PDB file of N, CA and C in Angstrom:
ATOM      1  N   UNK A   1      16.102  -0.136   4.566  1.00  0.00           N
ATOM      2  CA  UNK A   1      15.641  -1.006   3.041  1.00  0.00           C
ATOM      3  C   UNK A   1      14.468   0.449   2.612  1.00  0.00           C
ATOM      4  N   UNK A   2      13.858   1.110   3.179  1.00  0.00           N
ATOM      5  CA  UNK A   2      12.863   2.484   2.718  1.00  0.00           C
ATOM      6  C   UNK A   2      13.617   3.235   1.708  1.00  0.00           C
ATOM      7  N   UNK A   3      14.844   3.332   2.376  1.00  0.00           N
ATOM      8  CA  UNK A   3      15.686   4.617   1.688  1.00  0.00           C
ATOM      9  C   UNK A   3      16.604   4.045   0.417  1.00  0.00           C
ATOM     10  N   UNK A   4      16.350   2.692  -0.008  1.00  0.00           N
ATOM     11  CA  UNK A   4      16.785   2.162  -0.998  1.00  0.00           C
ATOM     12  C   UNK A   4      16.037   2.035  -2.119  1.00  0.00           C
ATOM     13  N   UNK A   5      14.537   2.348  -1.259  1.00  0.00           N
ATOM     14  CA  UNK A   5      13.333   2.265  -2.556  1.00  0.00           C
ATOM     15  C   UNK A   5      12.933   3.502  -3.233  1.00  0.00           C
ATOM     16  N   UNK A   6      13.903   4.654  -2.192  1.00  0.00           N
ATOM     17  CA  UNK A   6      13.537   5.885  -2.633  1.00  0.00           C
ATOM     18  C   UNK A   6      13.521   5.954  -4.262  1.00  0.00           C
ATOM     19  N   UNK A   7      14.598   5.880  -4.684  1.00  0.00           N
ATOM     20  CA  UNK A   7      15.097   6.423  -6.052  1.00  0.00           C
ATOM     21  C   UNK A   7      14.159   5.628  -7.072  1.00  0.00           C
ATOM     22  N   UNK A   8      13.617   4.375  -6.437  1.00  0.00           N
ATOM     23  CA  UNK A   8      12.784   3.449  -7.254  1.00  0.00           C
ATOM     24  C   UNK A   8      11.468   4.253  -7.457  1.00  0.00           C
ATOM     25  N   UNK A   9      11.147   5.047  -6.275  1.00  0.00           N
ATOM     26  CA  UNK A   9       9.481   5.438  -6.107  1.00  0.00           C
ATOM     27  C   UNK A   9       9.510   6.799  -7.212  1.00  0.00           C
ATOM     28  N   UNK A  10      10.660   7.518  -6.944  1.00  0.00           N
ATOM     29  CA  UNK A  10      11.001   8.721  -7.302  1.00  0.00           C
ATOM     30  C   UNK A  10      11.239   8.511  -9.263  1.00  0.00           C
ATOM     31  N   UNK A  11      11.378   7.666  -9.368  1.00  0.00           N
ATOM     32  CA  UNK A  11      11.957   7.232 -10.884  1.00  0.00           C
ATOM     33  C   UNK A  11      10.314   6.716 -11.277  1.00  0.00           C
ATOM     34  N   UNK A  12       9.657   5.900 -10.588  1.00  0.00           N
ATOM     35  CA  UNK A  12       8.156   5.780 -11.128  1.00  0.00           C
ATOM     36  C   UNK A  12       7.232   7.044 -11.279  1.00  0.00           C
ATOM     37  N   UNK A  13       7.005   7.550 -10.164  1.00  0.00           N
ATOM     38  CA  UNK A  13       6.481   9.120 -10.289  1.00  0.00           C
ATOM     39  C   UNK A  13       6.861  10.006 -11.207  1.00  0.00           C
ATOM     40  N   UNK A  14       8.086   9.866 -11.602  1.00  0.00           N
ATOM     41  CA  UNK A  14       8.620  11.010 -12.735  1.00  0.00           C
ATOM     42  C   UNK A  14       8.208  10.111 -14.208  1.00  0.00           C
ATOM     43  N   UNK A  15       7.918   8.643 -14.580  1.00  0.00           N
ATOM     44  CA  UNK A  15       7.676   8.612 -15.526  1.00  0.00           C
ATOM     45  C   UNK A  15       5.999   8.574 -15.671  1.00  0.00           C
ATOM     46  N   UNK A  16       5.274   8.863 -14.451  1.00  0.00           N
ATOM     47  CA  UNK A  16       4.208   9.256 -14.303  1.00  0.00           C
ATOM     48  C   UNK A  16       3.486  10.138 -14.872  1.00  0.00           C
ATOM     49  N   UNK A  17       4.394  11.270 -14.489  1.00  0.00           N
ATOM     50  CA  UNK A  17       4.189  13.118 -14.508  1.00  0.00           C
ATOM     51  C   UNK A  17       4.406  12.895 -16.178  1.00  0.00           C
ATOM     52  N   UNK A  18       5.219  12.167 -16.594  1.00  0.00           N
ATOM     53  CA  UNK A  18       5.838  12.496 -18.132  1.00  0.00           C
ATOM     54  C   UNK A  18       4.826  11.976 -19.227  1.00  0.00           C
ATOM     55  N   UNK A  19       4.185  11.022 -18.499  1.00  0.00           N
ATOM     56  CA  UNK A  19       3.049  10.220 -19.702  1.00  0.00           C
ATOM     57  C   UNK A  19       1.482  10.867 -19.073  1.00  0.00           C
ATOM     58  N   UNK A  20       1.615  11.428 -17.996  1.00  0.00           N
ATOM     59  CA  UNK A  20       0.370  12.006 -17.726  1.00  0.00           C
ATOM     60  C   UNK A  20      -0.914  10.996 -17.529  1.00  0.00           C
ATOM     61  N   UNK A  21      -0.405  10.085 -16.988  1.00  0.00           N
ATOM     62  CA  UNK A  21      -0.776   8.948 -17.034  1.00  0.00           C
ATOM     63  C   UNK A  21      -1.070   8.543 -15.168  1.00  0.00           C
ATOM     64  N   UNK A  22      -1.730   9.813 -14.713  1.00  0.00           N
ATOM     65  CA  UNK A  22      -2.293   9.799 -13.376  1.00  0.00           C
ATOM     66  C   UNK A  22      -3.114   9.086 -12.426  1.00  0.00           C
ATOM     67  N   UNK A  23      -3.947   8.210 -13.284  1.00  0.00           N
ATOM     68  CA  UNK A  23      -5.098   7.343 -13.162  1.00  0.00           C
ATOM     69  C   UNK A  23      -3.957   6.103 -12.020  1.00  0.00           C
ATOM     70  N   UNK A  24      -2.771   5.592 -12.413  1.00  0.00           N
ATOM     71  CA  UNK A  24      -2.467   4.569 -11.949  1.00  0.00           C
ATOM     72  C   UNK A  24      -1.796   4.879 -10.731  1.00  0.00           C
ATOM     73  N   UNK A  25      -1.672   6.262 -10.151  1.00  0.00           N
ATOM     74  CA  UNK A  25      -0.505   6.952  -9.228  1.00  0.00           C
ATOM     75  C   UNK A  25      -0.932   5.884  -8.199  1.00  0.00           C
ATOM     76  N   UNK A  26      -1.772   6.207  -7.696  1.00  0.00           N
ATOM     77  CA  UNK A  26      -2.452   5.311  -6.270  1.00  0.00           C
ATOM     78  C   UNK A  26      -1.892   4.008  -5.950  1.00  0.00           C
ATOM     79  N   UNK A  27      -2.328   3.322  -7.230  1.00  0.00           N
ATOM     80  CA  UNK A  27      -2.232   1.899  -7.415  1.00  0.00           C
ATOM     81  C   UNK A  27      -0.412   1.774  -7.243  1.00  0.00           C
ATOM     82  N   UNK A  28      -0.048   2.676  -7.907  1.00  0.00           N
ATOM     83  CA  UNK A  28       1.535   2.417  -8.107  1.00  0.00           C
ATOM     84  C   UNK A  28       2.296   2.695  -6.496  1.00  0.00           C
ATOM     85  N   UNK A  29       1.661   3.628  -5.723  1.00  0.00           N
ATOM     86  CA  UNK A  29       1.990   3.892  -4.442  1.00  0.00           C
ATOM     87  C   UNK A  29       1.598   3.113  -3.469  1.00  0.00           C
ATOM     88  N   UNK A  30       0.535   2.441  -3.505  1.00  0.00           N
ATOM     89  CA  UNK A  30      -0.200   1.382  -2.472  1.00  0.00           C
ATOM     90  C   UNK A  30       0.735   0.149  -2.953  1.00  0.00           C
ATOM     91  N   UNK A  31       1.819  -0.109  -4.098  1.00  0.00           N
ATOM     92  CA  UNK A  31       2.277  -1.044  -4.102  1.00  0.00           C
ATOM     93  C   UNK A  31       3.772  -0.952  -3.609  1.00  0.00           C
ATOM     94  N   UNK A  32       4.180   0.374  -3.745  1.00  0.00           N
ATOM     95  CA  UNK A  32       5.356   0.450  -2.665  1.00  0.00           C
ATOM     96  C   UNK A  32       5.068   0.486  -1.077  1.00  0.00           C
ATOM     97  N   UNK A  33       4.047   1.146  -1.068  1.00  0.00           N
ATOM     98  CA  UNK A  33       3.758   1.079   0.395  1.00  0.00           C
ATOM     99  C   UNK A  33       3.743  -0.528   0.876  1.00  0.00           C
ATOM    100  N   UNK A  34       2.756  -1.454   0.509  1.00  0.00           N
ATOM    101  CA  UNK A  34       2.517  -2.900   0.901  1.00  0.00           C
ATOM    102  C   UNK A  34       3.670  -3.568   0.472  1.00  0.00           C
ATOM    103  N   UNK A  35       4.839  -3.212  -0.284  1.00  0.00           N
ATOM    104  CA  UNK A  35       5.728  -4.451  -0.954  1.00  0.00           C
ATOM    105  C   UNK A  35       7.009  -4.179  -0.216  1.00  0.00           C
ATOM    106  N   UNK A  36       6.914  -2.795   0.015  1.00  0.00           N
ATOM    107  CA  UNK A  36       8.409  -2.058   0.646  1.00  0.00           C
ATOM    108  C   UNK A  36       8.420  -1.483   2.013  1.00  0.00           C
ATOM    109  N   UNK A  37       6.960  -1.569   2.466  1.00  0.00           N
ATOM    110  CA  UNK A  37       6.608  -0.406   3.675  1.00  0.00           C
ATOM    111  C   UNK A  37       6.835   0.939   3.707  1.00  0.00           C
ATOM    112  N   UNK A  38       6.743   1.199   2.270  1.00  0.00           N
ATOM    113  CA  UNK A  38       6.913   2.945   2.473  1.00  0.00           C
ATOM    114  C   UNK A  38       5.985   3.506   3.221  1.00  0.00           C
ATOM    115  N   UNK A  39       5.936   4.661   3.808  1.00  0.00           N
ATOM    116  CA  UNK A  39       5.042   5.457   4.710  1.00  0.00           C
ATOM    117  C   UNK A  39       4.901   6.149   3.499  1.00  0.00           C
ATOM    118  N   UNK A  40       3.588   6.337   3.654  1.00  0.00           N
ATOM    119  CA  UNK A  40       2.296   6.892   2.626  1.00  0.00           C
ATOM    120  C   UNK A  40       2.946   8.597   2.740  1.00  0.00           C
ATOM    121  N   UNK A  41       3.627   9.079   3.597  1.00  0.00           N
ATOM    122  CA  UNK A  41       3.598  10.299   3.951  1.00  0.00           C
ATOM    123  C   UNK A  41       5.043  10.929   2.858  1.00  0.00           C
ATOM    124  N   UNK A  42       5.995   9.808   3.216  1.00  0.00           N
ATOM    125  CA  UNK A  42       6.883   9.549   2.452  1.00  0.00           C
ATOM    126  C   UNK A  42       6.566   9.969   0.624  1.00  0.00           C
ATOM    127  N   UNK A  43       5.801   8.804   0.336  1.00  0.00           N
ATOM    128  CA  UNK A  43       5.316   8.550  -1.379  1.00  0.00           C
ATOM    129  C   UNK A  43       4.362   9.949  -1.337  1.00  0.00           C
ATOM    130  N   UNK A  44       3.338  10.437  -0.689  1.00  0.00           N
ATOM    131  CA  UNK A  44       3.093  11.681  -0.938  1.00  0.00           C
ATOM    132  C   UNK A  44       4.198  12.735  -1.182  1.00  0.00           C
ATOM    133  N   UNK A  45       5.016  12.798  -0.636  1.00  0.00           N
ATOM    134  CA  UNK A  45       6.304  13.881  -0.369  1.00  0.00           C
ATOM    135  C   UNK A  45       6.776  13.723  -2.200  1.00  0.00           C
ATOM    136  N   UNK A  46       7.125  12.605  -2.226  1.00  0.00           N
ATOM    137  CA  UNK A  46       8.137  12.288  -3.329  1.00  0.00           C
ATOM    138  C   UNK A  46       7.188  12.195  -4.504  1.00  0.00           C
ATOM    139  N   UNK A  47       5.797  12.477  -4.330  1.00  0.00           N
ATOM    140  CA  UNK A  47       4.368  12.648  -5.329  1.00  0.00           C
ATOM    141  C   UNK A  47       4.665  14.231  -5.834  1.00  0.00           C
ATOM    142  N   UNK A  48       4.412  14.900  -4.694  1.00  0.00           N
ATOM    143  CA  UNK A  48       4.601  16.257  -4.764  1.00  0.00           C
ATOM    144  C   UNK A  48       5.759  17.026  -5.453  1.00  0.00           C
ATOM    145  N   UNK A  49       7.035  16.260  -5.604  1.00  0.00           N
ATOM    146  CA  UNK A  49       8.414  16.950  -6.348  1.00  0.00           C
ATOM    147  C   UNK A  49       7.992  16.605  -7.732  1.00  0.00           C
ATOM    148  N   UNK A  50       7.420  15.912  -8.081  1.00  0.00           N
ATOM    149  CA  UNK A  50       6.911  15.781  -9.336  1.00  0.00           C
ATOM    150  C   UNK A  50       5.186  16.443 -10.041  1.00  0.00           C
ATOM    151  N   UNK A  51       4.803  17.466  -9.154  1.00  0.00           N
ATOM    152  CA  UNK A  51       3.579  17.774  -8.722  1.00  0.00           C
ATOM    153  C   UNK A  51       2.442  16.937  -9.499  1.00  0.00           C
ATOM    154  N   UNK A  52       2.400  16.106  -8.115  1.00  0.00           N
ATOM    155  CA  UNK A  52       1.523  14.916  -8.502  1.00  0.00           C
ATOM    156  C   UNK A  52       0.911  14.843  -7.494  1.00  0.00           C
ATOM    157  N   UNK A  53      -0.280  14.653  -7.289  1.00  0.00           N
ATOM    158  CA  UNK A  53      -1.152  14.052  -5.754  1.00  0.00           C
ATOM    159  C   UNK A  53      -1.913  12.892  -5.955  1.00  0.00           C
ATOM    160  N   UNK A  54      -1.116  12.020  -5.051  1.00  0.00           N
ATOM    161  CA  UNK A  54      -1.948  10.554  -4.900  1.00  0.00           C
ATOM    162  C   UNK A  54      -3.205  10.657  -4.188  1.00  0.00           C
ATOM    163  N   UNK A  55      -3.927   9.959  -5.080  1.00  0.00           N
ATOM    164  CA  UNK A  55      -5.614  10.075  -4.638  1.00  0.00           C
ATOM    165  C   UNK A  55      -5.698   9.090  -3.415  1.00  0.00           C
ATOM    166  N   UNK A  56      -5.941   9.871  -2.251  1.00  0.00           N
ATOM    167  CA  UNK A  56      -6.121   9.101  -0.904  1.00  0.00           C
ATOM    168  C   UNK A  56      -7.199   8.040  -0.836  1.00  0.00           C
ATOM    169  N   UNK A  57      -8.405   8.440  -1.502  1.00  0.00           N
ATOM    170  CA  UNK A  57      -9.676   7.754  -1.850  1.00  0.00           C
ATOM    171  C   UNK A  57      -9.373   6.447  -2.410  1.00  0.00           C
ATOM    172  N   UNK A  58      -8.664   6.562  -3.295  1.00  0.00           N
ATOM    173  CA  UNK A  58      -8.316   5.390  -4.619  1.00  0.00           C
ATOM    174  C   UNK A  58      -7.174   4.083  -3.700  1.00  0.00           C
ATOM    175  N   UNK A  59      -6.352   5.124  -2.666  1.00  0.00           N
ATOM    176  CA  UNK A  59      -5.233   4.503  -2.007  1.00  0.00           C
ATOM    177  C   UNK A  59      -5.857   3.480  -0.866  1.00  0.00           C
ATOM    178  N   UNK A  60      -7.034   4.322  -0.394  1.00  0.00           N
ATOM    179  CA  UNK A  60      -7.407   3.778   0.897  1.00  0.00           C
ATOM    180  C   UNK A  60      -8.540   2.514   0.475  1.00  0.00           C
ATOM    181  N   UNK A  61      -9.534   2.691  -0.672  1.00  0.00           N
ATOM    182  CA  UNK A  61      -9.896   1.073  -1.169  1.00  0.00           C
ATOM    183  C   UNK A  61      -8.865  -0.061  -1.470  1.00  0.00           C
ATOM    184  N   UNK A  62      -7.451   0.386  -1.832  1.00  0.00           N
ATOM    185  CA  UNK A  62      -6.568  -0.619  -2.196  1.00  0.00           C
ATOM    186  C   UNK A  62      -6.167  -1.298  -0.988  1.00  0.00           C
ATOM    187  N   UNK A  63      -5.938   0.003   0.059  1.00  0.00           N
ATOM    188  CA  UNK A  63      -5.751  -0.761   1.560  1.00  0.00           C
ATOM    189  C   UNK A  63      -6.554  -1.774   2.046  1.00  0.00           C
ATOM    190  N   UNK A  64      -8.154  -1.339   2.159  1.00  0.00           N
ATOM    191  CA  UNK A  64      -9.165  -2.021   2.438  1.00  0.00           C
ATOM    192  C   UNK A  64      -9.227  -3.398   1.924  1.00  0.00           C
ATOM    193  N   UNK A  65      -9.334  -3.246   0.392  1.00  0.00           N
ATOM    194  CA  UNK A  65      -9.017  -4.409  -0.456  1.00  0.00           C
ATOM    195  C   UNK A  65      -8.003  -5.842   0.151  1.00  0.00           C
ATOM    196  N   UNK A  66      -6.804  -5.210   0.066  1.00  0.00           N
ATOM    197  CA  UNK A  66      -5.693  -5.928   0.796  1.00  0.00           C
ATOM    198  C   UNK A  66      -5.712  -6.590   2.190  1.00  0.00           C
ATOM    199  N   UNK A  67      -6.375  -5.895   3.352  1.00  0.00           N
ATOM    200  CA  UNK A  67      -7.077  -6.129   4.509  1.00  0.00           C
ATOM    201  C   UNK A  67      -8.064  -7.317   4.223  1.00  0.00           C
ATOM    202  N   UNK A  68      -8.874  -7.077   3.662  1.00  0.00           N
ATOM    203  CA  UNK A  68     -10.250  -8.400   3.325  1.00  0.00           C
ATOM    204  C   UNK A  68      -9.071  -9.649   2.680  1.00  0.00           C
ATOM    205  N   UNK A  69      -8.224  -9.479   1.772  1.00  0.00           N
ATOM    206  CA  UNK A  69      -7.961 -10.803   1.570  1.00  0.00           C
ATOM    207  C   UNK A  69      -7.250 -11.208   2.494  1.00  0.00           C
ATOM    208  N   UNK A  70      -6.375 -10.612   3.212  1.00  0.00           N
ATOM    209  CA  UNK A  70      -5.382 -11.205   3.969  1.00  0.00           C
ATOM    210  C   UNK A  70      -6.115 -11.627   5.107  1.00  0.00           C
ATOM    211  N   UNK A  71      -6.889 -11.173   5.683  1.00  0.00           N
ATOM    212  CA  UNK A  71      -7.935 -11.552   6.578  1.00  0.00           C
ATOM    213  C   UNK A  71      -8.804 -13.061   6.075  1.00  0.00           C
ATOM    214  N   UNK A  72      -9.370 -12.702   4.840  1.00  0.00           N
ATOM    215  CA  UNK A  72      -9.766 -14.291   4.407  1.00  0.00           C
ATOM    216  C   UNK A  72      -9.060 -15.439   4.027  1.00  0.00           C
ATOM    217  N   UNK A  73      -7.401 -15.070   4.062  1.00  0.00           N
ATOM    218  CA  UNK A  73      -6.466 -15.889   3.543  1.00  0.00           C
ATOM    219  C   UNK A  73      -6.145 -16.763   5.274  1.00  0.00           C
ATOM    220  N   UNK A  74      -6.722 -16.251   6.371  1.00  0.00           N
ATOM    221  CA  UNK A  74      -5.855 -16.841   7.457  1.00  0.00           C
ATOM    222  C   UNK A  74      -6.247 -17.951   7.399  1.00  0.00           C
ATOM    223  N   UNK A  75      -5.469 -18.814   8.224  1.00  0.00           N
ATOM    224  CA  UNK A  75      -5.670 -20.507   8.831  1.00  0.00           C
ATOM    225  C   UNK A  75      -6.192 -19.908  10.230  1.00  0.00           C
ATOM    226  N   UNK A  76      -6.092 -19.347  11.053  1.00  0.00           N
ATOM    227  CA  UNK A  76      -6.420 -19.227  12.341  1.00  0.00           C
ATOM    228  C   UNK A  76      -7.955 -18.510  12.445  1.00  0.00           C
ATOM    229  N   UNK A  77      -8.661 -19.368  13.063  1.00  0.00           N
ATOM    230  CA  UNK A  77      -9.939 -19.192  13.171  1.00  0.00           C
ATOM    231  C   UNK A  77     -10.143 -18.670  14.653  1.00  0.00           C
ATOM    232  N   UNK A  78     -11.307 -18.039  15.090  1.00  0.00           N
ATOM    233  CA  UNK A  78     -11.337 -17.616  16.174  1.00  0.00           C
ATOM    234  C   UNK A  78     -11.900 -18.908  17.289  1.00  0.00           C
ATOM    235  N   UNK A  79     -12.325 -20.097  16.778  1.00  0.00           N
ATOM    236  CA  UNK A  79     -12.906 -20.829  17.272  1.00  0.00           C
ATOM    237  C   UNK A  79     -11.445 -21.708  18.531  1.00  0.00           C
ATOM    238  N   UNK A  80      -9.984 -21.153  17.765  1.00  0.00           N
ATOM    239  CA  UNK A  80      -9.213 -21.523  18.409  1.00  0.00           C
ATOM    240  C   UNK A  80      -8.618 -21.645  20.141  1.00  0.00           C
ATOM    241  N   UNK A  81      -9.973 -20.248  19.963  1.00  0.00           N
ATOM    242  CA  UNK A  81      -9.643 -19.632  21.603  1.00  0.00           C
ATOM    243  C   UNK A  81     -11.312 -19.805  22.103  1.00  0.00           C
ATOM    244  N   UNK A  82     -11.878 -20.706  21.986  1.00  0.00           N
ATOM    245  CA  UNK A  82     -13.167 -21.027  22.153  1.00  0.00           C
ATOM    246  C   UNK A  82     -12.827 -21.811  23.999  1.00  0.00           C
ATOM    247  N   UNK A  83     -13.771 -21.968  24.628  1.00  0.00           N
ATOM    248  CA  UNK A  83     -14.263 -23.016  26.073  1.00  0.00           C
ATOM    249  C   UNK A  83     -13.380 -23.720  25.770  1.00  0.00           C
ATOM    250  N   UNK A  84     -14.257 -24.699  24.800  1.00  0.00           N
ATOM    251  CA  UNK A  84     -13.844 -25.908  24.458  1.00  0.00           C
ATOM    252  C   UNK A  84     -12.329 -26.328  24.712  1.00  0.00           C
ATOM    253  N   UNK A  85     -11.764 -25.256  23.667  1.00  0.00           N
ATOM    254  CA  UNK A  85     -10.068 -25.712  23.598  1.00  0.00           C
ATOM    255  C   UNK A  85      -9.402 -25.628  25.064  1.00  0.00           C
ATOM    256  N   UNK A  86      -9.808 -24.748  25.414  1.00  0.00           N
ATOM    257  CA  UNK A  86      -8.727 -24.363  26.972  1.00  0.00           C
ATOM    258  C   UNK A  86      -8.850 -25.463  28.193  1.00  0.00           C
ATOM    259  N   UNK A  87     -10.044 -26.329  27.423  1.00  0.00           N
ATOM    260  CA  UNK A  87     -10.340 -27.355  28.564  1.00  0.00           C
ATOM    261  C   UNK A  87      -9.447 -28.259  28.401  1.00  0.00           C
ATOM    262  N   UNK A  88      -8.654 -28.799  27.309  1.00  0.00           N
ATOM    263  CA  UNK A  88      -8.098 -29.868  26.576  1.00  0.00           C
ATOM    264  C   UNK A  88      -6.750 -29.746  27.778  1.00  0.00           C
TER     265      UNK A  88
END
């Protein structure tokens, strides 16, 4: 699946390279990472082909935000493993 997304990644990065709108690069890279499981290193290599550099700090902030949202949405609470629940 990752290999089938690579042309889409490169097309998107080429578009950013042409428009000079590099502010959205980290967000775009994160979307490919989060949605398709594209490894960061592969995204970084693809960006370099178009003389682009992914803002690693911005990417990490997006990753942290996604992790927080994921934790907040979980329905499993720590209490299910409490001492009381094991006695039942």
